[in-house]
C-alpha atoms as a PDB file:
ATOM      1  CA  MET A   1       0.000   0.000   0.000  1.00  0.00           C
ATOM      2  CA  GLU A   2       1.369   3.398  -0.983  1.00  0.00           C
ATOM      3  CA  LYS A   3       0.191   6.950  -0.405  1.00  0.00           C
ATOM      4  CA  ASN A   4       1.367  10.097  -2.131  1.00  0.00           C
ATOM      5  CA  TYR A   5       2.143  13.047   0.140  1.00  0.00           C
ATOM      6  CA  ALA A   6       2.847  16.571  -1.011  1.00  0.00           C
ATOM      7  CA  LEU A   7       5.560  18.142   1.127  1.00  0.00           C
ATOM      8  CA  VAL A   8       3.096  20.738   2.375  1.00  0.00           C
ATOM      9  CA  GLU A   9       0.812  17.933   3.616  1.00  0.00           C
ATOM     10  CA  LEU A  10       3.394  16.261   5.844  1.00  0.00           C
ATOM     11  CA  ASN A  11       2.342  16.313   9.480  1.00  0.00           C
ATOM     12  CA  PRO A  12       4.863  14.057  11.256  1.00  0.00           C
ATOM     13  CA  CYS A  13       3.697  12.758  14.605  1.00  0.00           C
ATOM     14  CA  VAL A  14       6.221  11.152  16.928  1.00  0.00           C
ATOM     15  CA  LEU A  15       4.828   8.142  18.785  1.00  0.00           C
ATOM     16  CA  GLU A  16       7.786   7.261  20.983  1.00  0.00           C
ATOM     17  CA  ALA A  17      11.579   7.616  21.079  1.00  0.00           C
ATOM     18  CA  GLY A  18      14.546   6.233  22.958  1.00  0.00           C
ATOM     19  CA  PHE A  19      18.039   4.720  22.882  1.00  0.00           C
ATOM     20  CA  GLN A  20      18.696   1.279  21.401  1.00  0.00           C
ATOM     21  CA  GLY A  21      21.077   0.014  24.084  1.00  0.00           C
ATOM     22  CA  THR A  22      21.624  -3.764  23.979  1.00  0.00           C
ATOM     23  CA  ASP A  23      18.447  -4.652  22.104  1.00  0.00           C
ATOM     24  CA  SER A  24      19.181  -6.327  18.757  1.00  0.00           C
ATOM     25  CA  TRP A  25      17.710  -8.941  16.440  1.00  0.00           C
ATOM     26  CA  SER A  26      20.007 -10.661  13.966  1.00  0.00           C
ATOM     27  CA  ARG A  27      18.147 -13.892  13.171  1.00  0.00           C
ATOM     28  CA  HIS A  28      14.464 -13.116  12.941  1.00  0.00           C
ATOM     29  CA  PRO A  29      13.390 -10.065  10.899  1.00  0.00           C
ATOM     30  CA  ARG A  30      11.190  -7.521  12.587  1.00  0.00           C
ATOM     31  CA  ARG A  31       8.380  -5.547  10.967  1.00  0.00           C
ATOM     32  CA  THR A  32       6.744  -2.376  12.234  1.00  0.00           C
ATOM     33  CA  TYR A  33       3.333  -0.876  11.641  1.00  0.00           C
ATOM     34  CA  ASP A  34       4.659   2.670  11.341  1.00  0.00           C
ATOM     35  CA  HIS A  35       7.829   4.429  10.195  1.00  0.00           C
ATOM     36  CA  ALA A  36      10.927   4.421  12.373  1.00  0.00           C
ATOM     37  CA  LEU A  37      14.263   6.231  12.393  1.00  0.00           C
ATOM     38  CA  MET A  38      17.523   4.786  13.691  1.00  0.00           C
ATOM     39  CA  TYR A  39      20.294   7.382  14.044  1.00  0.00           C
ATOM     40  CA  CYS A  40      23.867   6.277  14.750  1.00  0.00           C
ATOM     41  CA  TYR A  41      25.775   8.706  16.981  1.00  0.00           C
ATOM     42  CA  GLY A  42      28.767   6.538  17.862  1.00  0.00           C
ATOM     43  CA  ARG A  43      29.945   2.979  17.335  1.00  0.00           C
ATOM     44  CA  PRO A  44      28.983   1.290  14.053  1.00  0.00           C
ATOM     45  CA  ALA A  45      26.010  -1.061  13.966  1.00  0.00           C
ATOM     46  CA  ASN A  46      24.623  -3.440  11.350  1.00  0.00           C
ATOM     47  CA  LEU A  47      21.280  -3.180   9.637  1.00  0.00           C
ATOM     48  CA  LYS A  48      19.701  -5.336   6.957  1.00  0.00           C
ATOM     49  CA  ILE A  49      16.528  -4.075   5.268  1.00  0.00           C
ATOM     50  CA  GLU A  50      14.953  -6.813   3.167  1.00  0.00           C
ATOM     51  CA  GLU A  51      18.074  -8.103   1.342  1.00  0.00           C
ATOM     52  CA  ARG A  52      20.102  -4.871   1.530  1.00  0.00           C
ATOM     53  CA  GLY A  53      22.853  -4.756   4.160  1.00  0.00           C
ATOM     54  CA  TYR A  54      24.274  -1.599   5.738  1.00  0.00           C
ATOM     55  CA  THR A  55      26.868  -0.668   8.334  1.00  0.00           C
ATOM     56  CA  LEU A  56      25.559   2.378  10.173  1.00  0.00           C
ATOM     57  CA  LYS A  57      28.321   4.860  11.053  1.00  0.00           C
ATOM     58  CA  ARG A  58      28.174   8.057  13.050  1.00  0.00           C
ATOM     59  CA  GLY A  59      25.937  10.499  11.191  1.00  0.00           C
ATOM     60  CA  ASP A  60      23.970   7.797   9.346  1.00  0.00           C
ATOM     61  CA  LEU A  61      20.195   7.844   9.604  1.00  0.00           C
ATOM     62  CA  ALA A  62      18.269   4.683   8.710  1.00  0.00           C
ATOM     63  CA  ILE A  63      14.588   4.869   7.824  1.00  0.00           C
ATOM     64  CA  LEU A  64      12.490   1.763   8.432  1.00  0.00           C
ATOM     65  CA  ARG A  65       9.326   1.714   6.367  1.00  0.00           C
ATOM     66  CA  PRO A  66       6.062   0.114   7.490  1.00  0.00           C
ATOM     67  CA  ASP A  67       5.756  -3.669   7.112  1.00  0.00           C
ATOM     68  CA  THR A  68       9.345  -3.961   5.857  1.00  0.00           C
ATOM     69  CA  PRO A  69      11.455  -6.816   7.305  1.00  0.00           C
ATOM     70  CA  HIS A  70      14.746  -5.741   8.873  1.00  0.00           C
ATOM     71  CA  LEU A  71      17.520  -7.124  11.077  1.00  0.00           C
ATOM     72  CA  PHE A  72      19.669  -5.122  13.493  1.00  0.00           C
ATOM     73  CA  TRP A  73      22.776  -6.125  15.467  1.00  0.00           C
ATOM     74  CA  VAL A  74      26.201  -5.007  16.714  1.00  0.00           C
ATOM     75  CA  GLU A  75      29.489  -6.893  16.368  1.00  0.00           C
ATOM     76  CA  ASP A  76      30.510  -6.819  20.046  1.00  0.00           C
ATOM     77  CA  ASP A  77      28.821  -6.891  23.435  1.00  0.00           C
ATOM     78  CA  GLN A  78      28.796  -3.108  23.765  1.00  0.00           C
ATOM     79  CA  PRO A  79      25.415  -1.325  23.647  1.00  0.00           C
ATOM     80  CA  ALA A  80      24.470   0.156  20.293  1.00  0.00           C
ATOM     81  CA  GLU A  81      24.830   3.935  20.116  1.00  0.00           C
ATOM     82  CA  ILE A  82      21.545   4.439  18.317  1.00  0.00           C
ATOM     83  CA  ILE A  83      18.666   6.845  18.847  1.00  0.00           C
ATOM     84  CA  TRP A  84      15.339   5.512  17.569  1.00  0.00           C
ATOM     85  CA  VAL A  85      12.091   7.294  16.834  1.00  0.00           C
ATOM     86  CA  HIS A  86       8.742   5.776  15.823  1.00  0.00           C
ATOM     87  CA  PHE A  87       6.552   8.186  13.888  1.00  0.00           C
ATOM     88  CA  ASP A  88       3.695   8.664  11.452  1.00  0.00           C
ATOM     89  CA  LEU A  89       3.741  11.066   8.523  1.00  0.00           C
ATOM     90  CA  GLU A  90       0.249  12.252   9.404  1.00  0.00           C
ATOM     91  CA  TYR A  91      -2.006  12.199  12.438  1.00  0.00           C
ATOM     92  CA  ARG A  92      -3.570   8.781  13.084  1.00  0.00           C
ATOM     93  CA  ASP A  93      -6.238   8.160  15.685  1.00  0.00           C
ATOM     94  CA  ASP A  94      -4.948   4.651  16.402  1.00  0.00           C
ATOM     95  CA  ALA A  95      -1.649   5.894  17.840  1.00  0.00           C
ATOM     96  CA  GLY A  96      -2.674   4.642  21.286  1.00  0.00           C
ATOM     97  CA  TRP A  97      -3.302   1.133  19.954  1.00  0.00           C
ATOM     98  CA  LEU A  98       0.123   1.120  18.291  1.00  0.00           C
ATOM     99  CA  LEU A  99       1.931   2.243  21.443  1.00  0.00           C
ATOM    100  CA  ASN A 100       0.217  -0.496  23.408  1.00  0.00           C
ATOM    101  CA  CYS A 101       1.263  -3.009  20.759  1.00  0.00           C
ATOM    102  CA  TYR A 102       4.924  -1.981  20.943  1.00  0.00           C
ATOM    103  CA  ASN A 103       4.982  -1.934  24.742  1.00  0.00           C
ATOM    104  CA  THR A 104       3.181  -5.203  25.451  1.00  0.00           C
ATOM    105  CA  ALA A 105       5.507  -8.215  25.398  1.00  0.00           C
ATOM    106  CA  LYS A 106       3.155 -10.558  23.532  1.00  0.00           C
ATOM    107  CA  SER A 107       2.198  -7.978  20.920  1.00  0.00           C
ATOM    108  CA  TYR A 108       5.817  -6.894  20.435  1.00  0.00           C
ATOM    109  CA  ALA A 109       6.858 -10.520  19.884  1.00  0.00           C
ATOM    110  CA  GLY A 110       4.335 -10.622  17.046  1.00  0.00           C
ATOM    111  CA  LEU A 111       6.474  -8.147  15.112  1.00  0.00           C
ATOM    112  CA  PHE A 112       8.928 -11.026  14.507  1.00  0.00           C
ATOM    113  CA  SER A 113       6.369 -13.554  13.255  1.00  0.00           C
ATOM    114  CA  GLY A 114       6.873 -12.836   9.554  1.00  0.00           C
ATOM    115  CA  GLN A 115       3.469 -11.229   9.088  1.00  0.00           C
ATOM    116  CA  LEU A 116       1.830  -8.431  11.042  1.00  0.00           C
ATOM    117  CA  ALA A 117      -1.324  -9.644  12.743  1.00  0.00           C
ATOM    118  CA  HIS A 118      -3.346  -6.459  12.276  1.00  0.00           C
ATOM    119  CA  PRO A 119      -3.011  -5.221   8.657  1.00  0.00           C
ATOM    120  CA  GLU A 120      -5.633  -2.531   9.283  1.00  0.00           C
ATOM    121  CA  HIS A 121      -3.047  -0.685  11.398  1.00  0.00           C
ATOM    122  CA  ILE A 122      -0.197  -0.853   8.857  1.00  0.00           C
ATOM    123  CA  ARG A 123       0.680   2.615   7.629  1.00  0.00           C
ATOM    124  CA  PRO A 124       1.052   3.171   3.869  1.00  0.00           C
ATOM    125  CA  GLN A 125       4.436   3.415   2.201  1.00  0.00           C
ATOM    126  CA  ALA A 126       5.206   7.070   1.475  1.00  0.00           C
ATOM    127  CA  LEU A 127       5.630   8.601  -1.970  1.00  0.00           C
ATOM    128  CA  ILE A 128       6.679  12.244  -1.642  1.00  0.00           C
ATOM    129  CA  ASN A 129       5.638  14.780  -4.288  1.00  0.00           C
ATOM    130  CA  GLY A 130       4.824  11.946  -6.646  1.00  0.00           C
ATOM    131  CA  HIS A 131       8.372  10.640  -7.155  1.00  0.00           C
ATOM    132  CA  PHE A 132      10.509  10.568  -3.978  1.00  0.00           C
ATOM    133  CA  ARG A 133      10.592   7.495  -1.767  1.00  0.00           C
ATOM    134  CA  LEU A 134      12.255   7.484   1.613  1.00  0.00           C
ATOM    135  CA  PRO A 135      15.769   6.026   1.349  1.00  0.00           C
ATOM    136  CA  ASP A 136      17.001   3.146   3.505  1.00  0.00           C
ATOM    137  CA  VAL A 137      20.005   5.071   4.819  1.00  0.00           C
ATOM    138  CA  VAL A 138      21.211   8.640   4.400  1.00  0.00           C
ATOM    139  CA  ALA A 139      24.279  10.387   5.807  1.00  0.00           C
ATOM    140  CA  LEU A 140      23.086  13.568   7.513  1.00  0.00           C
ATOM    141  CA  PRO A 141      25.107  16.723   6.717  1.00  0.00           C
ATOM    142  CA  SER A 142      25.502  17.867  10.345  1.00  0.00           C
ATOM    143  CA  PRO A 143      26.023  14.869  12.669  1.00  0.00           C
ATOM    144  CA  ASP A 144      26.614  17.009  15.755  1.00  0.00           C
ATOM    145  CA  GLU A 145      23.463  19.055  15.220  1.00  0.00           C
ATOM    146  CA  ALA A 146      21.440  15.928  14.403  1.00  0.00           C
ATOM    147  CA  GLU A 147      22.553  14.258  17.630  1.00  0.00           C
ATOM    148  CA  VAL A 148      21.656  17.303  19.734  1.00  0.00           C
ATOM    149  CA  LEU A 149      18.233  17.559  18.085  1.00  0.00           C
ATOM    150  CA  LEU A 150      17.411  13.889  18.495  1.00  0.00           C
ATOM    151  CA  ARG A 151      18.658  13.766  22.085  1.00  0.00           C
ATOM    152  CA  THR A 152      16.430  16.766  22.805  1.00  0.00           C
ATOM    153  CA  LEU A 153      13.495  14.931  21.226  1.00  0.00           C
ATOM    154  CA  VAL A 154      14.099  11.804  23.321  1.00  0.00           C
ATOM    155  CA  SER A 155      14.538  13.836  26.502  1.00  0.00           C
ATOM    156  CA  SER A 156      11.330  15.756  25.900  1.00  0.00           C
ATOM    157  CA  TYR A 157       9.442  12.515  25.237  1.00  0.00           C
ATOM    158  CA  LEU A 158      10.797  10.663  28.284  1.00  0.00           C
ATOM    159  CA  ARG A 159      10.047  13.597  30.588  1.00  0.00           C
ATOM    160  CA  ASN A 160       6.566  13.897  29.070  1.00  0.00           C
ATOM    161  CA  ASN A 161       6.901  17.652  28.810  1.00  0.00           C
ATOM    162  CA  PRO A 162       3.513  19.315  28.182  1.00  0.00           C
ATOM    163  CA  LEU A 163       4.542  20.422  24.696  1.00  0.00           C
ATOM    164  CA  TRP A 164       6.764  17.444  23.839  1.00  0.00           C
ATOM    165  CA  GLU A 165       4.659  16.463  20.805  1.00  0.00           C
ATOM    166  CA  LEU A 166       5.007  19.933  19.290  1.00  0.00           C
ATOM    167  CA  HIS A 167       8.756  20.050  19.974  1.00  0.00           C
ATOM    168  CA  ALA A 168       9.157  16.544  18.546  1.00  0.00           C
ATOM    169  CA  LYS A 169       7.229  17.493  15.402  1.00  0.00           C
ATOM    170  CA  ALA A 170       9.493  20.518  14.815  1.00  0.00           C
ATOM    171  CA  ILE A 171      12.639  18.426  15.280  1.00  0.00           C
ATOM    172  CA  LEU A 172      11.402  15.639  13.028  1.00  0.00           C
ATOM    173  CA  LEU A 173      10.522  18.140  10.313  1.00  0.00           C
ATOM    174  CA  ARG A 174      14.122  19.416  10.470  1.00  0.00           C
ATOM    175  CA  ILE A 175      15.467  15.873  10.155  1.00  0.00           C
ATOM    176  CA  LEU A 176      13.110  15.069   7.268  1.00  0.00           C
ATOM    177  CA  ALA A 177      14.160  18.264   5.495  1.00  0.00           C
ATOM    178  CA  TRP A 178      17.741  16.950   5.505  1.00  0.00           C
ATOM    179  CA  VAL A 179      16.526  13.586   4.188  1.00  0.00           C
ATOM    180  CA  PHE A 180      14.513  15.092   1.330  1.00  0.00           C
ATOM    181  CA  THR A 181      17.373  17.425   0.421  1.00  0.00           C
ATOM    182  CA  ALA A 182      19.611  14.371   0.111  1.00  0.00           C
ATOM    183  CA  CYS A 183      16.959  12.683  -2.070  1.00  0.00           C
ATOM    184  CA  VAL A 184      16.886  15.668  -4.429  1.00  0.00           C
ATOM    185  CA  GLU A 185      20.673  15.840  -4.613  1.00  0.00           C
ATOM    186  CA  ASN A 186      20.934  12.100  -5.240  1.00  0.00           C
ATOM    187  CA  LYS A 187      18.312  12.277  -7.988  1.00  0.00           C
ATOM    188  CA  GLN A 188      20.178  15.145  -9.630  1.00  0.00           C
ATOM    189  CA  GLN A 189      23.432  13.211  -9.354  1.00  0.00           C
ATOM    190  CA  GLU A 190      21.834  10.125 -10.882  1.00  0.00           C
ATOM    191  CA  GLY A 191      20.600  12.239 -13.801  1.00  0.00           C
ATOM    192  CA  TRP A 192      24.092  13.633 -14.266  1.00  0.00           C
ATOM    193  CA  LYS A 193      25.582  10.126 -14.255  1.00  0.00           C
ATOM    194  CA  LYS A 194      23.203   9.062 -17.018  1.00  0.00           C
ATOM    195  CA  GLN A 195      24.194  12.109 -19.052  1.00  0.00           C
ATOM    196  CA  LEU A 196      27.863  11.243 -18.536  1.00  0.00           C
ATOM    197  CA  CYS A 197      27.364   7.683 -19.766  1.00  0.00           C
ATOM    198  CA  TYR A 198      25.426   8.940 -22.773  1.00  0.00           C
ATOM    199  CA  ALA A 199      28.301  11.293 -23.657  1.00  0.00           C
ATOM    200  CA  VAL A 200      30.834   8.460 -23.333  1.00  0.00           C
ATOM    201  CA  LYS A 201      28.735   6.170 -25.528  1.00  0.00           C
ATOM    202  CA  CYS A 202      28.327   8.888 -28.176  1.00  0.00           C
ATOM    203  CA  TYR A 203      32.066   9.516 -28.253  1.00  0.00           C
ATOM    204  CA  ILE A 204      32.836   5.804 -28.612  1.00  0.00           C
ATOM    205  CA  SER A 205      30.206   5.326 -31.328  1.00  0.00           C
ATOM    206  CA  THR A 206      31.718   8.231 -33.287  1.00  0.00           C
ATOM    207  CA  TYR A 207      35.427   7.394 -32.895  1.00  0.00           C
ATOM    208  CA  TYR A 208      35.400   3.598 -32.444  1.00  0.00           C
ATOM    209  CA  TYR A 209      37.847   3.229 -35.383  1.00  0.00           C
ATOM    210  CA  LYS A 210      40.532   5.257 -33.621  1.00  0.00           C
ATOM    211  CA  LYS A 211      42.876   4.187 -30.839  1.00  0.00           C
ATOM    212  CA  LEU A 212      40.712   4.491 -27.733  1.00  0.00           C
ATOM    213  CA  THR A 213      41.785   4.295 -24.115  1.00  0.00           C
ATOM    214  CA  VAL A 214      39.923   5.120 -20.933  1.00  0.00           C
ATOM    215  CA  ALA A 215      42.239   8.113 -20.567  1.00  0.00           C
ATOM    216  CA  ASN A 216      41.453   9.740 -23.911  1.00  0.00           C
ATOM    217  CA  ILE A 217      37.733   8.938 -23.652  1.00  0.00           C
ATOM    218  CA  ALA A 218      37.601  10.465 -20.164  1.00  0.00           C
ATOM    219  CA  ALA A 219      39.492  13.531 -21.387  1.00  0.00           C
ATOM    220  CA  ALA A 220      36.862  14.006 -24.106  1.00  0.00           C
ATOM    221  CA  VAL A 221      34.155  14.342 -21.454  1.00  0.00           C
ATOM    222  CA  TYR A 222      36.369  16.356 -19.085  1.00  0.00           C
ATOM    223  CA  LEU A 223      36.737  13.756 -16.324  1.00  0.00           C
ATOM    224  CA  SER A 224      39.551  11.790 -14.730  1.00  0.00           C
ATOM    225  CA  PRO A 225      39.962   8.236 -16.078  1.00  0.00           C
ATOM    226  CA  ASP A 226      39.290   6.619 -12.683  1.00  0.00           C
ATOM    227  CA  TYR A 227      36.098   8.564 -12.028  1.00  0.00           C
ATOM    228  CA  CYS A 228      34.828   8.145 -15.588  1.00  0.00           C
ATOM    229  CA  GLY A 229      35.464   4.412 -15.529  1.00  0.00           C
ATOM    230  CA  ARG A 230      33.868   3.938 -12.102  1.00  0.00           C
ATOM    231  CA  ILE A 231      30.669   5.833 -12.954  1.00  0.00           C
ATOM    232  CA  PHE A 232      30.333   4.138 -16.344  1.00  0.00           C
ATOM    233  CA  ARG A 233      30.598   0.694 -14.754  1.00  0.00           C
ATOM    234  CA  GLN A 234      28.124   1.574 -12.009  1.00  0.00           C
ATOM    235  CA  GLU A 235      25.574   2.730 -14.567  1.00  0.00           C
ATOM    236  CA  THR A 236      26.056   0.149 -17.339  1.00  0.00           C
ATOM    237  CA  GLY A 237      27.489  -2.913 -15.610  1.00  0.00           C
ATOM    238  CA  MET A 238      30.471  -2.989 -17.962  1.00  0.00           C
ATOM    239  CA  THR A 239      33.809  -1.228 -18.269  1.00  0.00           C
ATOM    240  CA  VAL A 240      34.450   1.495 -20.818  1.00  0.00           C
ATOM    241  CA  ILE A 241      36.711  -0.825 -22.833  1.00  0.00           C
ATOM    242  CA  GLU A 242      34.121  -3.604 -22.788  1.00  0.00           C
ATOM    243  CA  TYR A 243      31.664  -1.153 -24.336  1.00  0.00           C
ATOM    244  CA  VAL A 244      34.279  -0.133 -26.935  1.00  0.00           C
ATOM    245  CA  HIS A 245      34.651  -3.798 -27.892  1.00  0.00           C
ATOM    246  CA  ARG A 246      30.891  -4.231 -28.231  1.00  0.00           C
ATOM    247  CA  VAL A 247      30.594  -1.220 -30.547  1.00  0.00           C
ATOM    248  CA  ARG A 248      33.535  -2.362 -32.659  1.00  0.00           C
ATOM    249  CA  ILE A 249      32.283  -5.930 -33.047  1.00  0.00           C
ATOM    250  CA  LYS A 250      28.805  -4.718 -33.969  1.00  0.00           C
ATOM    251  CA  ARG A 251      30.309  -2.526 -36.704  1.00  0.00           C
ATOM    252  CA  ALA A 252      32.574  -5.382 -37.800  1.00  0.00           C
ATOM    253  CA  GLN A 253      29.550  -7.648 -38.291  1.00  0.00           C
ATOM    254  CA  GLN A 254      28.184  -5.103 -40.738  1.00  0.00           C
ATOM    255  CA  LEU A 255      31.465  -4.937 -42.636  1.00  0.00           C
ATOM    256  CA  LEU A 256      31.739  -8.721 -42.861  1.00  0.00           C
ATOM    257  CA  MET A 257      28.949  -8.604 -45.437  1.00  0.00           C
ATOM    258  CA  ASP A 258      31.364  -6.837 -47.819  1.00  0.00           C
ATOM    259  CA  HIS A 259      33.186  -9.604 -49.746  1.00  0.00           C
ATOM    260  CA  SER A 260      35.925  -7.234 -50.853  1.00  0.00           C
ATOM    261  CA  LEU A 261      37.198  -6.678 -47.300  1.00  0.00           C
ATOM    262  CA  SER A 262      39.549  -9.128 -45.646  1.00  0.00           C
ATOM    263  CA  ILE A 263      39.377  -9.975 -41.963  1.00  0.00           C
ATOM    264  CA  GLU A 264      42.571  -7.942 -41.494  1.00  0.00           C
ATOM    265  CA  ASP A 265      41.008  -4.922 -43.278  1.00  0.00           C
ATOM    266  CA  ILE A 266      37.911  -5.094 -41.097  1.00  0.00           C
ATOM    267  CA  ALA A 267      39.970  -5.372 -37.905  1.00  0.00           C
ATOM    268  CA  ARG A 268      41.825  -2.155 -38.760  1.00  0.00           C
ATOM    269  CA  ARG A 269      38.672  -0.334 -39.860  1.00  0.00           C
ATOM    270  CA  VAL A 270      36.950  -0.930 -36.525  1.00  0.00           C
ATOM    271  CA  GLY A 271      39.970   0.078 -34.458  1.00  0.00           C
ATOM    272  CA  PHE A 272      41.796  -3.177 -33.686  1.00  0.00           C
ATOM    273  CA  GLN A 273      45.547  -2.983 -34.256  1.00  0.00           C
ATOM    274  CA  ARG A 274      46.033  -6.756 -34.210  1.00  0.00           C
ATOM    275  CA  THR A 275      43.888  -9.221 -36.141  1.00  0.00           C
ATOM    276  CA  ASN A 276      44.367 -11.990 -33.584  1.00  0.00           C
ATOM    277  CA  TYR A 277      43.049  -9.718 -30.840  1.00  0.00           C
ATOM    278  CA  PHE A 278      40.060  -8.804 -33.017  1.00  0.00           C
ATOM    279  CA  CYS A 279      39.293 -12.492 -33.575  1.00  0.00           C
ATOM    280  CA  GLY A 280      39.564 -13.224 -29.851  1.00  0.00           C
ATOM    281  CA  ILE A 281      37.167 -10.417 -28.878  1.00  0.00           C
ATOM    282  CA  ALA A 282      34.691 -11.464 -31.588  1.00  0.00           C
ATOM    283  CA  LYS A 283      34.777 -15.048 -30.309  1.00  0.00           C
ATOM    284  CA  LYS A 284      34.270 -13.871 -26.719  1.00  0.00           C
ATOM    285  CA  LEU A 285      31.280 -11.647 -27.522  1.00  0.00           C
ATOM    286  CA  THR A 286      29.510 -13.693 -30.200  1.00  0.00           C
ATOM    287  CA  GLY A 287      30.802 -17.226 -29.676  1.00  0.00           C
ATOM    288  CA  LYS A 288      32.196 -17.252 -33.229  1.00  0.00           C
ATOM    289  CA  THR A 289      35.311 -16.051 -35.041  1.00  0.00           C
ATOM    290  CA  PRO A 290      34.932 -13.339 -37.726  1.00  0.00           C
ATOM    291  CA  GLY A 291      35.370 -15.997 -40.425  1.00  0.00           C
ATOM    292  CA  GLN A 292      32.565 -18.095 -38.937  1.00  0.00           C
ATOM    293  CA  LEU A 293      30.333 -15.047 -38.618  1.00  0.00           C
ATOM    294  CA  ARG A 294      30.938 -14.199 -42.276  1.00  0.00           C
ATOM    295  CA  ARG A 295      30.097 -17.712 -43.428  1.00  0.00           C
ATOM    296  CA  ASP A 296      26.904 -17.801 -41.389  1.00  0.00           C
ATOM    297  CA  MET A 297      25.721 -14.426 -42.623  1.00  0.00           C
ATOM    298  CA  LEU A 298      26.464 -15.237 -46.264  1.00  0.00           C
ATOM    299  CA  SER A 299      24.736 -18.601 -46.064  1.00  0.00           C
ATOM    300  CA  ALA A 300      21.637 -16.931 -44.633  1.00  0.00           C
ATOM    301  CA  GLN A 301      21.251 -14.700 -47.695  1.00  0.00           C
END
């Protein structure tokens, strides 16, 4: 279940907050009815959300979404240095039921059963402004300020100050503003990465017949070779040179239809300096040598 929230509609309501201490669960996944934050202010801790594993370091904020299985544990016997906050993104009149569920031993044990017993109380997954989803983990820009804010929230909650809910709402809005800012920046960065890969592909498709290296391709798009190569592999699943080989072999297959060109001529025309290397790459990518490819294509005519 998913619900779209405009930013202006967000009305975060903190249900409870505290420190993690020695509580952990590394074997049986837990699910929650609401959203929860886990902020690391000290020693690293481990978190697995569905099949995605994370090591939470100081300044990292994890966001647990409703009805999403997760594991949490530390590597040693020391208490986890984690502040946690359970919250809703809007006011819900069943907040009392949920608090009772979390603070009653039998009901809390049900969170580890693999399926929540009361689906009518499961909050919807949040879609923000039609396209942002809350990330699993985000590094907050000001760890010191985040720790002070969240400690203030916990203190206000535990003391049951008359205005604790209002103070908690203001603090949570500040934290969420950092999270959404990171989402926007990440989305912009992802768009830039796609543009980078498109530029690299265009350059290779235009100059595949020349001597190409990661260095001269990266220079053409004004990046360092290491950074260019890393981003290209992250986005495409292949190295820059692997893509060069694919473009060259695809062009070579077209040229193999020309009877007047020898295998050596085709190798040079698509940018391979050595015919043997050309044949090896063709065999690796297509399962056939250039000669075999030519025979198959001609026989199919």
